[in-house]
Amino acid sequence: MKKALSMLLAGTMAMSLVACSSGNSGSSSTADTTAAAAADTKSEGGDTAADTSEDYGDYSWNLAMTVSETTTNYKMVEYFANLVKEKSNGSINIELYPGGQLANTTEQDEACVSGSIEMVTGMTADLTDFVKEMALFDMPNVFDNIDHMRNFLEGDYAKKQINDYCEASGIHMLAFSDAGFRELTTNVPTKSVADLAGQKIRVMTNKYHIAYWNAIGASAVPMQFNELFMGLQQGTVDGQENPYMNIVGNNLQEVQKYVVETNHVGHIIVFFMNNDLYQSLPDNTKALLDECAAEAAEYAKGVASESIEQDKKTVEDAGCEIVQFSDDDLAVLRDKAQVVYDMVKEDLGDDVVQGFLDAVDAARN
């Protein structure tokens, strides 16, 4: 990140921490907008944290994201911010900055690592430059279905081992969520893996994603997302891959004929904060954040499931055909993905990858 931006953010955050009890103002979306959404939330079988009149300290933090208010990311962290404010009796205030208001993806992640932005939400692929072990989630066709993926994200490995990797890199993972799987959309009739041969598929500028699509016979074309709609419209590329949330959110169904449920990579949402800040907090404040993050992640799971079903209907209403690969074709995709597994092993080591795969296997039970 540019030095000037880092200095500006650092100064801004320092001022906000000094004046923590007064809150922030400006063009951001504040946690007050939907405070009622969390006002009645109770911990199971007991009172809320706020009912204890416990002292959690006075804090004012900023939470950055590049996605919009319509996304599962935003709805999850908005719920979290409302819940924290309610349970802390208003002593902890969190300002939400959607749509890249504070920085782009790389800049906001770097700022969170350095501490000039306190909290961030994004996706696993965004973090690989800072937490190299996030590349584990780029191994395709690891999860059998959405329930399998969610079992893994809610398990001890994700909460402990993945967080150990994150903390070693300067961030503390508060919660995981998801927006389902990334799926293929295309203008070429695609009923089997064989039909992917030669298709020009737009991908993120991610070496693992590029290797995967080339391995299954397509031609991977790295392209900025803001160029994608026109690229599809003009035939520069035949298709692309994204979760339903992004397909519908960017009207890609208007320029695509098929959605093929390849379920190749989970679109896994991350919500994290600066680790030094987290570790500096009193134990009861850390416990409060952990509690509220867990509740927000559970809430987001329902939001994501409902959104996926609504987005599928939108896609079909627009005239797109949804294609489901056979079990045999999904097995072929998993076999072709081995080239990416080998790349990740080379980058992270066999033991790291095997530990991840063992935990994935355990989540099937």
Protein backbone atom coordinates (compact mmCIF):
# COMPACT_ATOMS: atom_id res chain seq x y z
CA MET A 1 0.00 0.00 0.00
CA LYS A 2 1.08 3.46 -0.70
CA LYS A 3 2.90 5.16 2.14
CA ALA A 4 0.62 8.20 2.07
CA LEU A 5 -2.50 6.08 2.46
CA SER A 6 -0.95 4.13 5.32
CA MET A 7 -0.02 7.31 7.18
CA LEU A 8 -3.46 8.79 6.61
CA LEU A 9 -5.26 5.70 7.84
CA ALA A 10 -2.93 5.36 10.82
CA GLY A 11 -3.60 8.94 11.85
CA THR A 12 -7.32 8.58 11.41
CA MET A 13 -7.48 5.40 13.45
CA ALA A 14 -5.33 6.86 16.20
CA MET A 15 -7.73 9.80 16.54
CA SER A 16 -10.73 7.47 16.63
CA LEU A 17 -9.21 5.42 19.45
CA VAL A 18 -8.45 8.54 21.52
CA ALA A 19 -12.03 9.71 21.12
CA CYS A 20 -13.47 6.23 21.45
CA SER A 21 -16.48 7.15 23.50
CA SER A 22 -17.77 9.74 21.04
CA GLY A 23 -18.19 7.49 17.97
CA ASN A 24 -17.52 8.43 14.36
CA SER A 25 -19.45 10.47 11.82
CA GLY A 26 -19.35 10.89 8.08
CA SER A 27 -20.61 9.12 4.97
CA SER A 28 -20.26 5.63 6.42
CA SER A 29 -23.12 3.28 7.18
CA THR A 30 -23.38 3.10 10.97
CA ALA A 31 -24.35 0.23 13.21
CA ASP A 32 -27.30 2.32 14.44
CA THR A 33 -29.22 1.82 11.19
CA THR A 34 -30.58 -1.56 12.19
CA ALA A 35 -29.95 -1.69 15.93
CA ALA A 36 -33.35 -3.24 16.44
CA ALA A 37 -32.24 -6.33 14.51
CA ALA A 38 -30.04 -7.42 17.38
CA ALA A 39 -31.85 -5.76 20.27
CA ASP A 40 -33.82 -8.86 21.25
CA THR A 41 -31.01 -11.35 20.77
CA LYS A 42 -30.50 -13.50 23.88
CA SER A 43 -27.86 -16.02 24.72
CA GLU A 44 -29.37 -19.49 25.06
CA GLY A 45 -30.91 -20.08 28.46
CA GLY A 46 -29.76 -16.77 29.97
CA ASP A 47 -29.44 -13.02 29.76
CA THR A 48 -27.54 -11.05 27.17
CA ALA A 49 -24.05 -9.84 27.96
CA ALA A 50 -25.50 -6.33 28.32
CA ASP A 51 -27.80 -7.44 31.13
CA THR A 52 -24.82 -7.96 33.42
CA SER A 53 -23.93 -4.24 33.25
CA GLU A 54 -20.37 -5.41 32.78
CA ASP A 55 -17.63 -2.95 31.85
CA TYR A 56 -16.23 -3.82 28.41
CA GLY A 57 -14.34 -0.57 27.91
CA ASP A 58 -15.07 2.26 25.49
CA TYR A 59 -13.99 1.64 21.88
CA SER A 60 -14.73 3.03 18.44
CA TRP A 61 -13.53 0.88 15.53
CA ASN A 62 -13.77 0.97 11.74
CA LEU A 63 -14.78 -2.06 9.67
CA ALA A 64 -13.83 -1.98 5.97
CA MET A 65 -15.03 -3.99 2.98
CA THR A 66 -15.04 -3.62 -0.78
CA VAL A 67 -18.44 -5.30 -1.22
CA SER A 68 -21.84 -3.57 -1.15
CA GLU A 69 -24.64 -3.46 1.39
CA THR A 70 -26.55 -6.19 -0.48
CA THR A 71 -23.97 -8.91 0.22
CA THR A 72 -23.89 -11.60 2.88
CA ASN A 73 -20.62 -10.06 4.12
CA TYR A 74 -22.28 -6.76 4.88
CA LYS A 75 -25.36 -8.27 6.47
CA MET A 76 -23.21 -10.45 8.73
CA VAL A 77 -20.98 -7.64 10.00
CA GLU A 78 -23.90 -5.23 10.33
CA TYR A 79 -25.61 -7.79 12.55
CA PHE A 80 -22.35 -8.20 14.51
CA ALA A 81 -21.91 -4.45 15.01
CA ASN A 82 -25.49 -4.02 16.20
CA LEU A 83 -25.13 -6.96 18.60
CA VAL A 84 -21.84 -5.71 20.05
CA LYS A 85 -23.26 -2.25 20.60
CA GLU A 86 -26.38 -3.62 22.29
CA LYS A 87 -24.56 -6.12 24.52
CA SER A 88 -21.90 -3.58 25.54
CA ASN A 89 -24.54 -1.03 26.54
CA GLY A 90 -23.30 1.22 23.74
CA SER A 91 -19.69 1.36 24.89
CA ILE A 92 -18.34 -0.36 21.75
CA ASN A 93 -19.21 1.28 18.44
CA ILE A 94 -18.24 -0.10 15.04
CA GLU A 95 -18.54 1.97 11.86
CA LEU A 96 -19.14 0.09 8.62
CA TYR A 97 -17.49 1.26 5.40
CA PRO A 98 -18.79 -0.77 2.42
CA GLY A 99 -17.94 -0.39 -1.25
CA GLY A 100 -14.22 0.26 -0.81
CA GLN A 101 -14.71 3.63 0.89
CA LEU A 102 -11.51 3.25 2.91
CA ALA A 103 -9.31 1.26 0.50
CA ASN A 104 -9.25 -1.43 -2.16
CA THR A 105 -9.02 -5.10 -1.22
CA THR A 106 -5.24 -5.35 -0.96
CA GLU A 107 -4.91 -2.02 0.82
CA GLN A 108 -7.57 -2.76 3.43
CA ASP A 109 -6.07 -6.16 4.23
CA GLU A 110 -2.61 -4.66 4.60
CA ALA A 111 -4.04 -1.87 6.75
CA CYS A 112 -5.68 -4.41 9.05
CA VAL A 113 -2.42 -6.34 9.38
CA SER A 114 -0.62 -3.10 10.28
CA GLY A 115 -3.42 -1.92 12.59
CA SER A 116 -4.54 1.23 10.78
CA ILE A 117 -7.91 -0.38 10.05
CA GLU A 118 -9.28 -2.40 12.94
CA MET A 119 -11.65 -4.83 11.17
CA VAL A 120 -12.19 -6.17 7.64
CA THR A 121 -14.49 -8.59 5.86
CA GLY A 122 -13.64 -10.18 2.51
CA MET A 123 -13.01 -13.68 1.20
CA THR A 124 -10.28 -16.26 1.65
CA ALA A 125 -8.71 -15.66 -1.77
CA ASP A 126 -8.17 -11.99 -0.84
CA LEU A 127 -5.92 -12.96 2.04
CA THR A 128 -3.43 -15.31 0.38
CA ASP A 129 -0.83 -12.52 0.02
CA PHE A 130 -0.90 -12.01 3.80
CA VAL A 131 -1.82 -15.45 5.17
CA LYS A 132 -0.28 -17.91 2.73
CA GLU A 133 -2.21 -20.85 4.23
CA MET A 134 -5.44 -19.38 2.88
CA ALA A 135 -4.36 -21.04 -0.38
CA LEU A 136 -5.70 -24.25 1.16
CA PHE A 137 -9.19 -23.02 0.27
CA ASP A 138 -8.13 -22.65 -3.38
CA MET A 139 -7.84 -26.41 -3.78
CA PRO A 140 -10.85 -27.22 -5.98
CA ASN A 141 -13.62 -29.74 -5.40
CA VAL A 142 -12.58 -30.40 -1.80
CA PHE A 143 -16.09 -30.13 -0.35
CA ASP A 144 -18.91 -32.49 -1.35
CA ASN A 145 -21.71 -29.99 -0.77
CA ILE A 146 -22.58 -26.85 1.17
CA ASP A 147 -23.35 -28.72 4.39
CA HIS A 148 -19.96 -30.40 4.27
CA MET A 149 -18.25 -27.03 3.78
CA ARG A 150 -20.17 -25.46 6.65
CA ASN A 151 -19.38 -28.37 8.96
CA PHE A 152 -15.72 -27.76 8.25
CA LEU A 153 -15.91 -24.00 8.84
CA GLU A 154 -17.67 -24.55 12.16
CA GLY A 155 -15.18 -27.20 13.30
CA ASP A 156 -12.15 -27.05 15.55
CA TYR A 157 -9.61 -27.03 12.70
CA ALA A 158 -10.96 -23.80 11.20
CA LYS A 159 -11.42 -22.16 14.59
CA LYS A 160 -8.02 -23.17 15.96
CA GLN A 161 -5.50 -24.17 13.28
CA ILE A 162 -6.57 -21.69 10.60
CA ASN A 163 -6.70 -18.96 13.23
CA ASP A 164 -3.18 -19.87 14.36
CA TYR A 165 -2.02 -19.27 10.79
CA CYS A 166 -3.87 -15.95 10.76
CA GLU A 167 -2.51 -14.74 14.08
CA ALA A 168 1.04 -15.53 13.00
CA SER A 169 0.42 -13.16 10.09
CA GLY A 170 -1.06 -10.35 12.18
CA ILE A 171 -4.83 -10.88 12.13
CA HIS A 172 -7.35 -12.64 14.36
CA MET A 173 -10.15 -14.49 12.56
CA LEU A 174 -13.46 -13.61 14.19
CA ALA A 175 -15.72 -15.69 11.95
CA PHE A 176 -16.15 -17.58 8.71
CA SER A 177 -19.29 -17.61 6.61
CA ASP A 178 -20.02 -18.40 2.97
CA ALA A 179 -22.01 -17.47 -0.11
CA GLY A 180 -22.23 -21.05 -1.32
CA PHE A 181 -19.94 -22.23 -4.08
CA ARG A 182 -18.41 -20.52 -7.06
CA GLU A 183 -20.17 -21.78 -10.20
CA LEU A 184 -19.45 -21.63 -13.92
CA THR A 185 -21.56 -19.47 -16.23
CA THR A 186 -21.14 -19.72 -19.98
CA ASN A 187 -22.73 -19.10 -23.37
CA VAL A 188 -21.57 -22.49 -24.66
CA PRO A 189 -23.89 -25.50 -24.14
CA THR A 190 -22.16 -27.42 -21.32
CA LYS A 191 -23.59 -30.72 -20.12
CA SER A 192 -20.34 -32.48 -19.20
CA VAL A 193 -16.68 -31.80 -18.46
CA ALA A 194 -15.86 -32.64 -22.08
CA ASP A 195 -17.90 -29.62 -23.19
CA LEU A 196 -15.49 -27.30 -21.36
CA ALA A 197 -12.72 -27.96 -23.87
CA GLY A 198 -11.49 -24.72 -25.41
CA GLN A 199 -13.96 -22.44 -23.63
CA LYS A 200 -12.48 -19.07 -22.68
CA ILE A 201 -13.27 -18.67 -19.00
CA ARG A 202 -12.59 -15.45 -17.11
CA VAL A 203 -10.87 -16.10 -13.78
CA MET A 204 -9.40 -14.08 -10.95
CA THR A 205 -5.70 -13.25 -11.14
CA ASN A 206 -4.98 -16.28 -8.95
CA LYS A 207 -2.44 -18.84 -10.11
CA TYR A 208 -4.36 -21.76 -8.61
CA HIS A 209 -7.60 -20.80 -10.34
CA ILE A 210 -5.77 -20.35 -13.64
CA ALA A 211 -4.12 -23.77 -13.34
CA TYR A 212 -7.42 -25.46 -12.50
CA TRP A 213 -9.38 -24.23 -15.51
CA ASN A 214 -6.52 -24.97 -17.86
CA ALA A 215 -6.23 -28.48 -16.38
CA ILE A 216 -9.86 -29.30 -17.10
CA GLY A 217 -9.48 -28.29 -20.75
CA ALA A 218 -10.75 -24.71 -20.73
CA SER A 219 -8.66 -21.65 -21.48
CA ALA A 220 -8.32 -19.48 -18.37
CA VAL A 221 -8.38 -15.73 -19.06
CA PRO A 222 -7.40 -13.50 -16.10
CA MET A 223 -9.50 -10.33 -16.24
CA GLN A 224 -10.48 -7.54 -13.86
CA PHE A 225 -14.03 -7.96 -12.60
CA ASN A 226 -15.09 -4.50 -13.74
CA GLU A 227 -14.27 -5.53 -17.33
CA LEU A 228 -16.20 -8.79 -17.19
CA PHE A 229 -19.73 -7.78 -18.21
CA MET A 230 -18.51 -6.14 -21.41
CA GLY A 231 -16.15 -9.03 -22.06
CA LEU A 232 -19.07 -11.47 -21.93
CA GLN A 233 -21.30 -9.17 -23.94
CA GLN A 234 -18.71 -8.80 -26.71
CA GLY A 235 -17.62 -12.44 -26.68
CA THR A 236 -14.09 -11.75 -25.50
CA VAL A 237 -14.68 -14.62 -23.07
CA ASP A 238 -17.30 -17.38 -23.19
CA GLY A 239 -17.91 -17.57 -19.48
CA GLN A 240 -16.73 -16.91 -15.95
CA GLU A 241 -17.01 -18.32 -12.43
CA ASN A 242 -18.54 -16.71 -9.36
CA PRO A 243 -21.06 -17.45 -6.62
CA TYR A 244 -24.73 -16.82 -7.36
CA MET A 245 -24.47 -13.71 -5.18
CA ASN A 246 -22.06 -12.09 -7.63
CA ILE A 247 -23.70 -13.49 -10.75
CA VAL A 248 -27.02 -11.86 -9.94
CA GLY A 249 -25.53 -8.87 -8.14
CA ASN A 250 -23.77 -7.89 -11.37
CA ASN A 251 -26.52 -8.99 -13.78
CA LEU A 252 -24.34 -11.57 -15.49
CA GLN A 253 -27.45 -13.65 -16.18
CA GLU A 254 -28.30 -11.00 -18.79
CA VAL A 255 -25.27 -11.97 -20.91
CA GLN A 256 -25.00 -15.70 -20.13
CA LYS A 257 -27.13 -18.70 -21.17
CA TYR A 258 -26.03 -21.42 -18.76
CA VAL A 259 -25.11 -21.72 -15.11
CA VAL A 260 -23.20 -24.96 -14.52
CA GLU A 261 -23.06 -26.02 -10.87
CA THR A 262 -19.44 -27.10 -10.78
CA ASN A 263 -19.25 -26.33 -7.03
CA HIS A 264 -15.51 -26.14 -7.56
CA VAL A 265 -14.46 -23.65 -4.86
CA GLY A 266 -16.36 -22.44 -1.83
CA HIS A 267 -16.93 -18.70 -1.77
CA ILE A 268 -15.82 -18.46 1.85
CA ILE A 269 -16.33 -15.18 3.65
CA VAL A 270 -13.78 -14.07 6.25
CA PHE A 271 -14.26 -11.57 9.07
CA PHE A 272 -11.14 -10.58 10.96
CA MET A 273 -9.47 -7.87 13.04
CA ASN A 274 -5.95 -6.77 13.86
CA ASN A 275 -4.46 -9.42 16.13
CA ASP A 276 -2.47 -7.03 18.35
CA LEU A 277 -5.66 -5.10 19.04
CA TYR A 278 -7.63 -8.27 19.80
CA GLN A 279 -4.96 -9.63 22.14
CA SER A 280 -4.75 -6.27 23.97
CA LEU A 281 -8.42 -6.34 24.93
CA PRO A 282 -9.67 -7.43 28.36
CA ASP A 283 -10.74 -11.07 28.50
CA ASN A 284 -14.41 -10.21 28.89
CA THR A 285 -14.30 -7.95 25.82
CA LYS A 286 -12.65 -10.67 23.75
CA ALA A 287 -15.32 -13.10 24.94
CA LEU A 288 -18.02 -10.63 23.94
CA LEU A 289 -16.58 -10.23 20.44
CA ASP A 290 -16.26 -14.00 20.04
CA GLU A 291 -19.85 -14.54 21.20
CA CYS A 292 -21.27 -11.90 18.88
CA ALA A 293 -19.19 -13.09 15.93
CA ALA A 294 -20.47 -16.65 16.38
CA GLU A 295 -24.07 -15.41 16.46
CA ALA A 296 -23.49 -13.23 13.40
CA ALA A 297 -21.98 -16.17 11.47
CA GLU A 298 -25.00 -18.32 12.30
CA TYR A 299 -27.28 -15.51 11.12
CA ALA A 300 -25.27 -15.16 7.90
CA LYS A 301 -25.70 -18.86 7.13
CA GLY A 302 -29.46 -18.37 6.89
CA VAL A 303 -29.00 -15.20 4.84
CA ALA A 304 -26.74 -17.03 2.38
CA SER A 305 -29.08 -20.01 1.96
CA GLU A 306 -32.06 -17.76 1.31
CA SER A 307 -30.04 -15.59 -1.07
CA ILE A 308 -28.85 -18.57 -3.12
CA GLU A 309 -32.41 -19.81 -3.64
CA GLN A 310 -33.63 -16.34 -4.62
CA ASP A 311 -30.68 -15.86 -6.99
CA LYS A 312 -31.32 -19.22 -8.68
CA LYS A 313 -34.88 -18.12 -9.40
CA THR A 314 -33.63 -14.80 -10.77
CA VAL A 315 -31.22 -16.62 -13.07
CA GLU A 316 -33.92 -18.95 -14.38
CA ASP A 317 -36.43 -16.11 -14.79
CA ALA A 318 -33.84 -14.38 -16.98
CA GLY A 319 -33.82 -17.40 -19.30
CA CYS A 320 -30.64 -19.12 -18.09
CA GLU A 321 -30.57 -22.88 -17.81
CA ILE A 322 -29.07 -24.32 -14.61
CA VAL A 323 -27.02 -27.44 -15.34
CA GLN A 324 -25.99 -29.98 -12.72
CA PHE A 325 -23.05 -32.22 -13.55
CA SER A 326 -23.33 -35.96 -12.96
CA ASP A 327 -21.40 -37.59 -10.11
CA ASP A 328 -19.03 -39.02 -12.73
CA ASP A 329 -18.27 -35.56 -14.11
CA LEU A 330 -17.76 -34.15 -10.62
CA ALA A 331 -15.29 -37.00 -10.00
CA VAL A 332 -13.43 -35.99 -13.17
CA LEU A 333 -13.21 -32.40 -11.92
CA ARG A 334 -11.81 -33.62 -8.62
CA ASP A 335 -9.22 -35.75 -10.43
CA LYS A 336 -8.18 -32.85 -12.68
CA ALA A 337 -7.82 -30.64 -9.61
CA GLN A 338 -4.82 -32.67 -8.47
CA VAL A 339 -2.50 -30.29 -10.32
CA VAL A 340 -3.60 -27.52 -7.96
CA TYR A 341 -3.18 -29.75 -4.90
CA ASP A 342 0.41 -30.35 -6.00
CA MET A 343 1.00 -26.61 -6.38
CA VAL A 344 -0.36 -25.88 -2.92
CA LYS A 345 1.76 -28.68 -1.43
CA GLU A 346 4.83 -27.16 -3.03
CA ASP A 347 3.97 -23.74 -1.61
CA LEU A 348 2.85 -24.77 1.89
CA GLY A 349 4.34 -28.21 2.49
CA ASP A 350 2.85 -31.70 2.54
CA ASP A 351 2.06 -31.67 6.27
CA VAL A 352 0.04 -28.46 6.09
CA VAL A 353 -2.02 -29.72 3.16
CA GLN A 354 -2.54 -33.16 4.69
CA GLY A 355 -3.71 -31.64 7.97
CA PHE A 356 -6.27 -29.61 6.06
CA LEU A 357 -7.46 -32.60 4.01
CA ASP A 358 -7.76 -34.75 7.14
CA ALA A 359 -9.98 -32.10 8.72
CA VAL A 360 -12.05 -31.90 5.53
CA ASP A 361 -12.50 -35.66 5.63
CA ALA A 362 -13.51 -35.56 9.31
CA ALA A 363 -16.15 -32.92 8.51
CA ARG A 364 -17.96 -35.48 6.34
CA ASN A 365 -19.03 -37.38 9.47
